[in-house]
């Protein structure tokens, strides 16, 4: 189980790393793209930043859901439901 949780954590970390890498890449090599204002006068850099925060929260919730122990695992450890 611990190996499974670690694997899930690494996959979710890789997903976030790709999202964050895209943010850094755009800022470093296409800063003019980040200056565009696609929604209500708010530039893409701000929207992307908030998107990263929301993505981190969603990935954390997803990790908690995916790594939740099953009833059988709880019983095998001698715990209560």
Protein backbone atom coordinates (compact mmCIF):
# COMPACT_ATOMS: atom_id res chain seq x y z
CA UNK A 1 0.00 0.00 0.00
CA UNK A 2 2.75 2.48 0.87
CA UNK A 3 4.44 1.85 -2.49
CA UNK A 4 1.14 2.46 -4.25
CA UNK A 5 0.65 5.75 -2.38
CA UNK A 6 4.19 6.85 -3.23
CA UNK A 7 3.62 6.05 -6.90
CA UNK A 8 0.38 8.04 -6.93
CA UNK A 9 2.14 10.94 -5.23
CA UNK A 10 4.93 10.93 -7.80
CA UNK A 11 2.47 10.89 -10.70
CA UNK A 12 0.52 13.81 -9.26
CA UNK A 13 3.77 15.65 -8.59
CA UNK A 14 4.78 15.13 -12.23
CA UNK A 15 1.45 16.55 -13.37
CA UNK A 16 1.93 19.65 -11.22
CA UNK A 17 5.55 19.96 -12.33
CA UNK A 18 4.41 20.05 -15.96
CA UNK A 19 1.84 22.74 -15.17
CA UNK A 20 4.38 24.83 -13.27
CA UNK A 21 7.04 24.26 -15.94
CA UNK A 22 4.62 25.63 -18.52
CA UNK A 23 4.15 28.74 -16.39
CA UNK A 24 7.90 29.28 -16.04
CA UNK A 25 8.50 28.56 -19.74
CA UNK A 26 5.91 31.11 -20.81
CA UNK A 27 7.32 33.73 -18.47
CA UNK A 28 10.88 33.13 -19.61
CA UNK A 29 10.41 32.75 -23.36
CA UNK A 30 7.05 34.29 -24.23
CA UNK A 31 6.46 37.05 -21.71
CA UNK A 32 4.31 38.93 -24.21
CA UNK A 33 1.82 36.05 -24.14
CA UNK A 34 1.47 36.41 -20.38
CA UNK A 35 0.55 40.09 -20.85
CA UNK A 36 -2.60 39.26 -22.82
CA UNK A 37 -5.90 39.91 -21.07
CA UNK A 38 -8.30 37.10 -22.02
CA UNK A 39 -10.92 37.60 -19.27
CA UNK A 40 -12.24 40.86 -17.79
CA UNK A 41 -8.96 42.74 -18.17
CA UNK A 42 -7.01 40.28 -16.02
CA UNK A 43 -3.75 39.21 -17.62
CA UNK A 44 -2.86 35.60 -18.33
CA UNK A 45 -0.06 35.56 -15.73
CA UNK A 46 -2.55 36.21 -12.92
CA UNK A 47 -5.05 33.70 -14.29
CA UNK A 48 -2.37 31.05 -14.73
CA UNK A 49 -1.09 31.70 -11.20
CA UNK A 50 -4.55 31.25 -9.69
CA UNK A 51 -4.96 28.16 -11.87
CA UNK A 52 -1.79 26.72 -10.35
CA UNK A 53 -3.10 27.31 -6.84
CA UNK A 54 -6.42 25.66 -7.68
CA UNK A 55 -4.61 22.77 -9.40
CA UNK A 56 -2.51 22.19 -6.28
CA UNK A 57 -5.64 22.01 -4.13
CA UNK A 58 -7.41 19.68 -6.56
CA UNK A 59 -4.37 17.39 -6.79
CA UNK A 60 -4.10 17.30 -2.99
CA UNK A 61 -7.77 16.31 -2.70
CA UNK A 62 -7.31 13.72 -5.43
CA UNK A 63 -4.30 12.26 -3.59
CA UNK A 64 -6.28 12.06 -0.36
CA UNK A 65 -9.15 10.32 -2.14
CA UNK A 66 -6.96 7.87 -4.05
CA UNK A 67 -4.82 6.95 -1.03
CA UNK A 68 -7.67 6.53 1.43
CA UNK A 69 -7.41 3.09 3.06
CA UNK A 70 -10.10 0.57 2.25
CA UNK A 71 -12.27 -1.06 4.91
CA UNK A 72 -10.24 -4.26 4.58
CA UNK A 73 -6.99 -2.39 5.21
CA UNK A 74 -8.42 -0.68 8.26
CA UNK A 75 -9.67 -4.00 9.64
CA UNK A 76 -6.32 -5.71 8.90
CA UNK A 77 -4.56 -3.06 10.98
CA UNK A 78 -6.93 -3.66 13.86
CA UNK A 79 -8.55 -0.26 13.55
CA UNK A 80 -12.19 0.70 13.77
CA UNK A 81 -14.28 2.04 10.93
